[in-house]
Protein backbone atom coordinates (compact mmCIF):
# COMPACT_ATOMS: atom_id res chain seq x y z
CA MET A 1 -111.76 69.89 -20.80
CA GLU A 2 -110.66 68.30 -24.04
CA PHE A 3 -107.21 69.82 -23.50
CA PHE A 4 -107.10 68.32 -20.11
CA GLU A 5 -107.98 64.93 -21.36
CA GLU A 6 -105.31 65.21 -24.07
CA GLU A 7 -102.71 66.14 -21.51
CA ILE A 8 -103.72 63.06 -19.43
CA ALA A 9 -103.52 60.81 -22.38
CA ALA A 10 -99.94 62.04 -23.09
CA VAL A 11 -98.84 60.62 -19.65
CA PRO A 12 -97.11 57.19 -20.17
CA LYS A 13 -99.26 54.19 -19.01
CA PRO A 14 -97.87 52.72 -15.77
CA VAL A 15 -96.82 49.09 -15.39
CA ASN A 16 -99.56 47.19 -13.57
CA LYS A 17 -98.15 44.96 -10.78
CA ILE A 18 -100.41 42.73 -8.71
CA LEU A 19 -99.39 41.03 -5.55
CA VAL A 20 -101.38 37.80 -4.82
CA VAL A 21 -101.14 36.55 -1.21
CA ASP A 22 -102.34 33.10 -0.28
CA ASP A 23 -101.00 30.20 1.75
CA ARG A 24 -101.96 27.56 -0.81
CA GLU A 25 -99.86 27.07 -4.05
CA ASP A 26 -102.98 25.86 -5.94
CA ASN A 27 -104.95 29.06 -5.15
CA LEU A 28 -101.94 31.18 -6.26
CA PHE A 29 -101.63 29.17 -9.47
CA SER A 30 -105.40 29.47 -10.09
CA ILE A 31 -105.41 33.34 -9.69
CA GLU A 32 -102.28 33.64 -11.79
CA THR A 33 -103.95 31.60 -14.52
CA ILE A 34 -107.10 33.55 -14.54
CA LEU A 35 -105.26 36.92 -14.92
CA ASP A 36 -102.60 35.45 -17.32
CA LYS A 37 -104.22 36.87 -20.43
CA GLU A 38 -104.23 40.46 -19.03
CA ASP A 39 -101.25 42.68 -19.16
CA TYR A 40 -100.37 42.33 -15.54
CA ILE A 41 -97.11 41.47 -13.74
CA ILE A 42 -98.09 38.91 -11.02
CA THR A 43 -96.01 38.63 -7.88
CA LYS A 44 -96.89 35.70 -5.48
CA ALA A 45 -96.46 35.41 -1.70
CA ASN A 46 -97.40 32.31 0.28
CA SER A 47 -97.90 34.07 3.60
CA GLY A 48 -98.56 37.39 5.11
CA ARG A 49 -94.91 37.68 6.32
CA ALA A 50 -93.66 36.88 2.77
CA ALA A 51 -95.95 39.55 1.47
CA LEU A 52 -94.51 42.07 3.96
CA LYS A 53 -91.01 41.08 2.98
CA ILE A 54 -91.73 41.80 -0.68
CA LEU A 55 -93.36 45.14 0.10
CA LEU A 56 -90.20 46.20 2.06
CA LYS A 57 -88.41 46.35 -1.33
CA GLU A 58 -91.23 47.09 -3.69
CA HIS A 59 -94.07 49.63 -3.11
CA ASP A 60 -95.39 50.34 -6.69
CA PHE A 61 -98.01 47.62 -6.75
CA THR A 62 -101.25 48.44 -8.45
CA LEU A 63 -103.38 45.94 -6.40
CA ILE A 64 -103.03 43.34 -3.67
CA LEU A 65 -105.24 40.28 -3.63
CA MET A 66 -105.21 38.96 -0.09
CA ASP A 67 -106.43 35.60 1.26
CA VAL A 68 -108.09 36.21 4.64
CA GLN A 69 -107.58 32.77 6.26
CA MET A 70 -103.84 32.32 6.56
CA PRO A 71 -101.80 30.73 9.44
CA ASP A 72 -99.52 32.87 11.49
CA LEU A 73 -100.72 36.34 10.05
CA ASN A 74 -104.24 36.34 8.63
CA GLY A 75 -105.20 38.75 5.81
CA PHE A 76 -106.58 41.42 8.15
CA GLU A 77 -103.52 41.52 10.30
CA THR A 78 -101.32 41.55 7.24
CA ALA A 79 -103.42 44.55 5.81
CA THR A 80 -103.01 46.35 9.14
CA LEU A 81 -99.23 46.07 9.00
CA ILE A 82 -99.11 47.12 5.27
CA TYR A 83 -101.06 50.29 5.89
CA GLU A 84 -98.85 51.35 8.73
CA ARG A 85 -96.26 52.44 6.04
CA ASP A 86 -97.10 55.69 4.32
CA LYS A 87 -95.56 54.56 1.02
CA LEU A 88 -98.03 51.54 0.85
CA LYS A 89 -101.24 53.31 1.88
CA HIS A 90 -102.25 54.00 -1.76
CA ILE A 91 -102.36 50.28 -2.70
CA PRO A 92 -105.96 48.98 -2.76
CA ILE A 93 -106.58 45.47 -1.19
CA ILE A 94 -109.27 42.89 -2.26
CA PHE A 95 -109.87 40.25 0.30
CA ILE A 96 -110.35 36.67 -0.89
CA THR A 97 -112.26 34.37 1.48
CA ALA A 98 -114.06 30.98 1.49
CA ASN A 99 -116.54 31.94 4.19
CA ASP A 100 -119.23 34.47 4.58
CA HIS A 101 -118.03 36.20 7.71
CA GLY A 102 -121.17 38.31 7.92
CA GLU A 103 -121.43 42.18 7.94
CA GLU A 104 -119.31 42.62 11.02
CA ASN A 105 -116.33 40.85 9.62
CA MET A 106 -116.81 42.52 6.25
CA PHE A 107 -116.88 45.94 8.05
CA LYS A 108 -113.66 44.92 9.74
CA GLY A 109 -112.03 44.30 6.45
CA TYR A 110 -113.06 47.60 5.18
CA GLN A 111 -111.73 49.14 8.33
CA MET A 112 -108.28 47.54 7.68
CA GLY A 113 -108.29 49.35 4.32
CA GLY A 114 -109.77 46.67 1.98
CA VAL A 115 -111.84 47.86 -0.98
CA ASP A 116 -113.68 44.76 -1.94
CA TYR A 117 -114.34 41.05 -1.27
CA ILE A 118 -114.23 37.95 -3.57
CA TYR A 119 -115.59 34.66 -2.40
CA LYS A 120 -114.25 31.26 -3.05
CA PRO A 121 -114.68 29.37 -5.32
CA ILE A 122 -113.42 32.17 -7.39
CA ASN A 123 -115.59 33.23 -10.37
CA PRO A 124 -112.92 33.97 -13.11
CA ASP A 125 -115.06 36.53 -14.89
CA LEU A 126 -115.92 38.28 -11.65
CA LEU A 127 -112.21 38.37 -10.62
CA ARG A 128 -111.01 39.68 -13.97
CA ALA A 129 -113.80 42.33 -13.93
CA LYS A 130 -113.01 43.56 -10.36
CA VAL A 131 -109.33 43.56 -10.84
CA SER A 132 -109.88 45.53 -14.21
CA VAL A 133 -111.90 48.16 -12.35
CA TYR A 134 -109.25 48.70 -9.76
CA VAL A 135 -106.41 48.65 -12.18
CA GLU A 136 -108.32 51.19 -14.34
CA LEU A 137 -108.78 53.31 -11.24
CA TYR A 138 -105.22 53.06 -10.38
CA ASN A 139 -104.08 54.09 -13.84
CA LYS A 140 -106.42 57.10 -13.77
CA ASN A 141 -105.15 58.07 -10.29
CA HIS A 142 -101.57 57.56 -11.62
CA GLN A 143 -102.31 59.81 -14.67
CA LEU A 144 -104.00 62.42 -12.46
CA MET A 145 -101.06 62.44 -10.20
CA ALA A 146 -98.56 62.80 -12.96
CA GLN A 147 -100.76 65.52 -14.47
CA GLU A 148 -100.83 67.35 -11.10
CA GLN A 149 -96.96 67.25 -10.99
CA LYS A 150 -96.82 68.70 -14.41
CA LEU A 151 -99.30 71.35 -13.53
CA ILE A 152 -97.38 72.19 -10.35
CA ALA A 153 -94.16 72.52 -12.37
CA ALA A 154 -96.01 74.51 -15.06
CA ASN A 155 -97.41 76.85 -12.30
CA LYS A 156 -93.88 77.30 -10.90
CA ASN A 157 -92.52 78.11 -14.27
CA LEU A 158 -95.51 80.54 -14.90
CA GLU A 159 -94.87 82.33 -11.57
CA ARG A 160 -91.18 82.57 -12.46
CA GLU A 161 -92.01 83.95 -15.95
CA ILE A 162 -94.48 86.42 -14.38
CA LEU A 163 -92.01 87.59 -11.85
CA GLU A 164 -89.33 87.93 -14.56
CA ARG A 165 -91.72 89.81 -16.64
CA ILE A 166 -92.68 92.22 -13.73
CA ASN A 167 -89.01 92.74 -13.11
CA SER A 168 -88.39 93.36 -16.85
CA GLU A 169 -91.30 95.73 -17.04
CA GLU A 170 -90.11 97.66 -13.97
CA LYS A 171 -86.60 97.77 -15.61
CA VAL A 172 -88.02 99.05 -18.89
CA ASN A 173 -90.06 101.64 -17.17
CA ARG A 174 -87.02 102.79 -15.20
CA LEU A 175 -85.02 102.83 -18.54
CA ASN A 176 -87.81 104.76 -20.20
CA LYS A 177 -87.97 107.32 -17.38
CA GLN A 178 -84.18 107.69 -17.51
CA LEU A 179 -84.39 107.99 -21.30
CA MET A 180 -87.01 110.76 -21.11
CA GLU A 181 -84.88 112.62 -18.57
CA ASN A 182 -81.92 112.15 -21.00
CA ILE A 183 -84.06 113.43 -23.90
CA ASN A 184 -85.25 116.47 -21.97
CA GLN A 185 -81.75 117.18 -20.78
CA LEU A 186 -80.42 116.82 -24.30
CA LYS A 187 -83.11 119.12 -25.62
CA VAL A 188 -82.13 121.78 -23.05
CA THR A 189 -78.42 121.47 -23.81
CA ASN A 190 -79.18 121.69 -27.63
CA GLU A 191 -81.28 124.86 -27.09
CA GLU A 192 -78.51 126.33 -25.03
CA LEU A 193 -75.82 125.43 -27.55
CA GLU A 194 -78.01 126.96 -30.38
CA ARG A 195 -78.42 130.14 -28.29
CA PHE A 196 -74.72 130.30 -27.51
CA ALA A 197 -73.93 129.70 -31.23
CA TYR A 198 -76.13 132.52 -32.33
CA VAL A 199 -75.05 134.94 -29.61
CA ALA A 200 -71.35 134.17 -30.09
CA SER A 201 -71.59 134.40 -33.84
CA HIS A 202 -73.56 137.60 -33.75
CA ASP A 203 -71.17 139.15 -31.26
CA LEU A 204 -68.16 138.17 -33.41
CA GLN A 205 -69.35 139.98 -36.43
CA GLU A 206 -68.88 143.63 -35.27
CA PRO A 207 -65.09 143.25 -34.40
CA LEU A 208 -64.57 141.26 -37.60
CA ARG A 209 -66.21 143.93 -39.79
CA LYS A 210 -63.82 146.48 -38.22
CA ILE A 211 -60.85 144.28 -39.02
CA ILE A 212 -62.05 143.95 -42.63
CA ILE A 213 -62.91 147.76 -42.88
CA PHE A 214 -59.44 148.79 -41.49
CA GLY A 215 -57.75 146.13 -43.67
CA ASP A 216 -59.45 147.62 -46.82
CA ARG A 217 -58.17 151.14 -45.72
CA LEU A 218 -54.65 149.78 -45.23
CA VAL A 219 -54.83 148.35 -48.82
CA ALA A 220 -56.06 151.66 -50.32
CA LYS A 221 -53.80 154.19 -48.44
CA PHE A 222 -50.69 152.40 -47.53
CA ARG A 223 -50.07 149.89 -50.32
CA ASP A 224 -46.73 151.45 -51.39
CA PRO A 225 -45.20 151.90 -47.88
CA LEU A 226 -45.97 148.35 -46.90
CA GLY A 227 -43.86 146.98 -49.73
CA ASP A 228 -44.39 143.53 -51.31
CA GLU A 229 -43.96 141.58 -48.19
CA GLY A 230 -46.23 143.76 -46.26
CA GLN A 231 -48.89 143.59 -49.07
CA GLY A 232 -48.64 139.78 -49.06
CA LEU A 233 -49.26 139.58 -45.22
CA LEU A 234 -52.14 141.98 -45.54
CA GLU A 235 -53.72 139.94 -48.32
CA ARG A 236 -53.39 136.75 -46.26
CA MET A 237 -54.97 138.65 -43.33
CA MET A 238 -58.00 139.80 -45.56
CA LYS A 239 -58.47 136.26 -46.91
CA ALA A 240 -58.51 134.88 -43.32
CA SER A 241 -60.91 137.55 -42.28
CA ASN A 242 -63.24 136.84 -45.34
CA ARG A 243 -63.07 133.21 -44.42
CA MET A 244 -63.97 133.87 -40.76
CA GLN A 245 -66.88 136.16 -41.91
CA LEU A 246 -68.23 133.25 -44.11
CA LEU A 247 -67.84 130.83 -41.27
CA ILE A 248 -69.81 133.10 -38.83
CA LYS A 249 -72.54 133.68 -41.39
CA ASN A 250 -72.92 129.87 -41.75
CA LEU A 251 -72.85 129.36 -38.05
CA LEU A 252 -75.68 131.77 -37.74
CA ALA A 253 -77.53 130.01 -40.38
CA PHE A 254 -77.05 126.72 -38.75
CA SER A 255 -78.35 127.89 -35.37
CA ARG A 256 -81.34 129.58 -36.99
CA SER A 257 -82.19 126.46 -39.04
CA ALA A 258 -83.69 124.76 -35.92
CA THR A 259 -86.09 127.74 -35.43
CA ASN A 260 -89.07 128.92 -37.44
CA ASN A 261 -87.36 132.04 -38.51
CA ASN A 262 -90.57 133.75 -37.80
CA ASP A 263 -91.93 132.16 -40.92
CA SER A 264 -95.33 130.39 -41.04
CA TYR A 265 -96.16 127.02 -42.59
CA GLN A 266 -97.52 127.39 -46.06
CA GLU A 267 -98.49 125.07 -48.85
CA THR A 268 -95.40 125.60 -50.98
CA PRO A 269 -94.93 124.32 -54.66
CA LEU A 270 -91.35 123.29 -54.59
CA ASN A 271 -90.95 123.98 -58.33
CA ALA A 272 -91.72 127.71 -57.82
CA LEU A 273 -89.48 127.84 -54.74
CA LEU A 274 -86.62 126.21 -56.66
CA ASP A 275 -87.05 128.71 -59.58
CA GLY A 276 -86.48 131.51 -57.01
CA VAL A 277 -83.26 129.74 -55.79
CA LEU A 278 -81.93 129.38 -59.30
CA SER A 279 -82.78 133.03 -60.04
CA ASP A 280 -80.68 134.16 -56.92
CA LEU A 281 -77.81 132.00 -58.13
CA GLU A 282 -78.00 133.30 -61.67
CA ILE A 283 -74.44 134.72 -61.80
CA GLN A 284 -72.74 131.54 -60.50
CA ILE A 285 -74.76 129.45 -62.80
CA GLU A 286 -73.76 131.52 -65.82
CA GLN A 287 -70.06 131.49 -64.79
CA LYS A 288 -70.12 127.69 -64.46
CA GLN A 289 -72.30 127.35 -67.62
CA ALA A 290 -74.41 124.97 -65.68
CA VAL A 291 -77.40 123.01 -67.14
CA PHE A 292 -80.36 122.14 -65.04
CA HIS A 293 -82.99 119.60 -65.71
CA ILE A 294 -85.89 120.10 -63.36
CA GLY A 295 -88.68 117.62 -62.99
CA GLU A 296 -92.11 117.90 -61.28
CA LEU A 297 -91.76 118.42 -57.60
CA PRO A 298 -94.37 118.05 -54.95
CA THR A 299 -96.30 120.73 -53.01
CA LEU A 300 -95.44 120.59 -49.42
CA TYR A 301 -96.81 122.20 -46.14
CA ILE A 302 -93.56 123.70 -44.93
CA ILE A 303 -91.62 126.78 -43.86
CA PRO A 304 -90.58 128.06 -47.30
CA GLY A 305 -87.46 129.85 -45.92
CA GLN A 306 -86.14 126.51 -44.65
CA PHE A 307 -86.47 124.67 -47.96
CA ARG A 308 -85.10 127.68 -49.85
CA GLN A 309 -82.04 127.39 -47.78
CA LEU A 310 -81.98 123.61 -48.33
CA PHE A 311 -82.11 123.85 -52.18
CA GLN A 312 -79.67 126.71 -52.18
CA ASN A 313 -77.04 124.72 -50.22
CA LEU A 314 -77.53 121.61 -52.47
CA VAL A 315 -77.32 123.69 -55.69
CA ILE A 316 -74.19 125.61 -54.46
CA ASN A 317 -72.69 122.27 -53.50
CA ALA A 318 -73.18 120.82 -56.98
CA LEU A 319 -71.78 123.94 -58.63
CA LYS A 320 -68.78 124.22 -56.33
CA PHE A 321 -67.72 120.52 -56.82
CA SER A 322 -67.96 120.40 -60.57
CA LYS A 323 -65.17 119.12 -62.79
CA GLU A 324 -62.81 121.46 -64.43
CA ASP A 325 -63.67 122.30 -68.07
CA VAL A 326 -66.91 120.17 -67.81
CA PRO A 327 -70.16 122.25 -67.46
CA PRO A 328 -72.23 121.11 -64.41
CA GLU A 329 -75.30 119.12 -65.35
CA ILE A 330 -77.73 118.94 -62.35
CA ASN A 331 -80.92 116.89 -62.31
CA ILE A 332 -83.55 117.66 -59.72
CA TYR A 333 -86.72 115.47 -59.68
CA SER A 334 -89.05 113.62 -57.27
CA GLU A 335 -90.84 110.34 -56.98
CA LYS A 336 -93.51 108.97 -54.73
CA VAL A 337 -93.05 105.62 -53.11
CA LYS A 338 -94.51 103.41 -50.42
CA GLY A 339 -92.50 102.87 -47.11
CA MET A 340 -92.11 99.13 -47.78
CA TYR A 341 -89.71 100.03 -50.71
CA LEU A 342 -87.52 102.40 -48.63
CA ASN A 343 -84.62 100.12 -47.62
CA ASP A 344 -82.47 103.17 -46.88
CA VAL A 345 -84.95 104.67 -44.38
CA PRO A 346 -84.89 102.60 -41.09
CA ASN A 347 -88.09 104.07 -39.49
CA ALA A 348 -90.25 104.01 -42.73
CA VAL A 349 -93.87 102.97 -42.18
CA MET A 350 -94.72 100.11 -44.52
CA ASP A 351 -98.03 101.30 -45.93
CA GLN A 352 -97.23 105.07 -45.70
CA ASP A 353 -96.51 107.19 -48.75
CA TYR A 354 -93.24 109.16 -49.10
CA HIS A 355 -91.82 111.74 -51.42
CA ARG A 356 -88.29 111.29 -52.57
CA ILE A 357 -86.54 114.32 -53.97
CA ILE A 358 -83.34 113.67 -55.90
CA VAL A 359 -80.58 116.19 -56.70
CA LYS A 360 -78.00 114.55 -58.98
CA ASP A 361 -74.91 116.07 -60.40
CA ASN A 362 -71.89 115.10 -62.64
CA GLY A 363 -69.23 116.65 -60.50
CA ILE A 364 -66.15 115.27 -58.93
CA GLY A 365 -68.02 113.07 -56.43
CA PHE A 366 -66.45 111.55 -53.32
CA ASP A 367 -65.64 108.27 -51.73
CA GLN A 368 -68.76 106.49 -50.50
CA GLN A 369 -67.24 105.75 -47.13
CA TYR A 370 -67.67 109.47 -46.30
CA ALA A 371 -71.46 109.41 -47.30
CA GLU A 372 -72.52 109.90 -43.63
CA GLN A 373 -69.71 112.13 -42.41
CA ILE A 374 -70.40 114.91 -44.89
CA PHE A 375 -73.56 115.81 -42.97
CA THR A 376 -71.51 116.42 -39.83
CA VAL A 377 -70.86 120.05 -38.80
CA PHE A 378 -67.44 121.43 -40.21
CA LYS A 379 -66.78 118.05 -41.99
CA ARG A 380 -64.78 118.87 -45.14
CA LEU A 381 -63.35 116.39 -47.67
CA HIS A 382 -61.14 119.08 -49.25
CA SER A 383 -58.83 121.74 -48.09
CA PHE A 384 -60.00 125.39 -48.05
CA ASP A 385 -57.36 126.22 -50.67
CA GLU A 386 -58.97 123.69 -53.08
CA TYR A 387 -62.62 124.59 -52.47
CA GLU A 388 -63.92 127.33 -50.41
CA GLY A 389 -66.53 126.56 -47.67
CA THR A 390 -66.89 125.91 -44.02
CA GLY A 391 -68.45 122.44 -43.96
CA ILE A 392 -71.70 123.68 -42.55
CA GLY A 393 -74.05 123.56 -45.64
CA LEU A 394 -74.98 119.93 -45.69
CA SER A 395 -75.28 119.91 -41.87
CA ILE A 396 -78.00 122.66 -42.18
CA CYS A 397 -79.72 120.48 -44.85
CA LYS A 398 -79.80 117.53 -42.53
CA LYS A 399 -81.03 119.58 -39.64
CA ILE A 400 -83.87 121.00 -41.71
CA ILE A 401 -84.97 117.66 -42.96
CA ASP A 402 -84.78 116.01 -39.55
CA GLN A 403 -87.47 118.52 -38.31
CA TYR A 404 -89.91 117.11 -40.87
CA ASN A 405 -89.31 113.46 -39.83
CA GLY A 406 -87.43 112.90 -43.02
CA SER A 407 -84.05 111.76 -43.99
CA ILE A 408 -81.34 112.90 -46.39
CA SER A 409 -78.62 110.59 -47.75
CA ALA A 410 -75.84 110.79 -50.50
CA GLN A 411 -74.58 108.22 -52.96
CA SER A 412 -71.30 108.85 -54.86
CA ALA A 413 -68.00 107.66 -56.22
CA ILE A 414 -64.92 109.58 -57.08
CA ASN A 415 -65.28 111.32 -60.50
CA GLU A 416 -68.76 110.00 -60.99
CA GLY A 417 -70.81 112.81 -59.49
CA ALA A 418 -73.04 112.75 -56.38
CA THR A 419 -76.71 112.05 -55.76
CA PHE A 420 -78.46 113.50 -52.77
CA VAL A 421 -81.77 111.84 -51.87
CA ILE A 422 -84.30 113.59 -49.62
CA THR A 423 -87.18 111.44 -48.18
CA LEU A 424 -90.14 112.98 -46.69
CA PRO A 425 -93.47 111.55 -45.40
CA ALA A 426 -96.25 112.51 -47.95
CA ALA A 427 -98.25 113.55 -44.83
CA VAL A 428 -96.05 116.71 -44.72
CA THR A 429 -98.36 118.07 -47.54
CA GLU A 430 -101.43 117.81 -45.20
CA LYS A 431 -100.25 119.17 -41.88
CA VAL A 432 -97.46 120.64 -39.91
CA PRO A 433 -95.00 117.79 -38.83
CA GLN A 434 -95.20 117.09 -35.03
CA ALA A 435 -91.47 117.41 -34.72
CA VAL A 436 -91.51 120.95 -36.09
CA GLN A 437 -94.58 121.95 -33.96
CA GLU A 438 -92.85 120.97 -30.78
């Protein structure tokens, strides 16, 4: 109710115009003098016809004070003609009379549309009081009418907004349905591609093994008859075969990285897992004279085989892209942070805990503009002649981390080493990630 009253109060106050109709100038002057102190605009008419002429042009009067006894058209007749026009029916009329016409004539006046009577000689206080009442009533009606128009407009706007919202919701529902269909289709397509990659790679191995075996026999038994040129061509064939064998091996690893590899989820201390990886790579580490600084890593509820592959790819990457005559120095450590501080993780939950695992080296680095591209399958920043590899290792790392609702990113500059940052929800220490379960 208070809100409604405040809205009404906000409506501008109307101008109060009063039409005074009397055939005597002294009466007109007297009424104008009585009402002079009020904030009214007084318009005078000295006959019924003069009043009708004025009302043909103006119909925004607040009140009409009408003398009953006038020549030609009396007050009742004038009132009848006034109320024949729809635009004037809202104007209240107070009849002014010098005679007591009795109840019958008073009833006639009310029938004409009159709202009240004032008798002559006019009591100034009574006139001011009655005029004030009807002016106030007019103002309230005006405010209510204005408010009604505002409410009608507001309702129309609300109806339009509701309709737009309904249409938007229907559109969103359609888009969501289409999105789910696309996601399901994409999932099926990815599964088919993974199966194809696995089968194709597996089937390619057998003929490739025969090529390598027969190539080795040619080298062993027919080196001299082949001559220098033949031996060179054979060596190039064997290198290409070995490169293809590595590519097939990595393709198989990539296709298997999306599956559980028949392993089960286990609470796995990453320090112990990393020790195993470094032990497996002992020969390469010794050849490179690499130095490792290992910090304390978290214990995660994961498939150990996947993270063994993850660390192996990152360590091999650091060893491979080391500087000449500079022993590789590799730091691996972790930190625990809140989601609100992870500016590089778009979907981080503000109050959730995350593990960040950092693998930092002092190698040749790369241009930061390629930081995202290096996680794309087969993306290489160097030729095969410079550095061996297929461009699949980092793609496997990303694929593994994606399954745990995590992220992996790289920061680097040319000749300033590279830093790989793995971010995982701390909840991965408590239960199997939903994305992996599905």
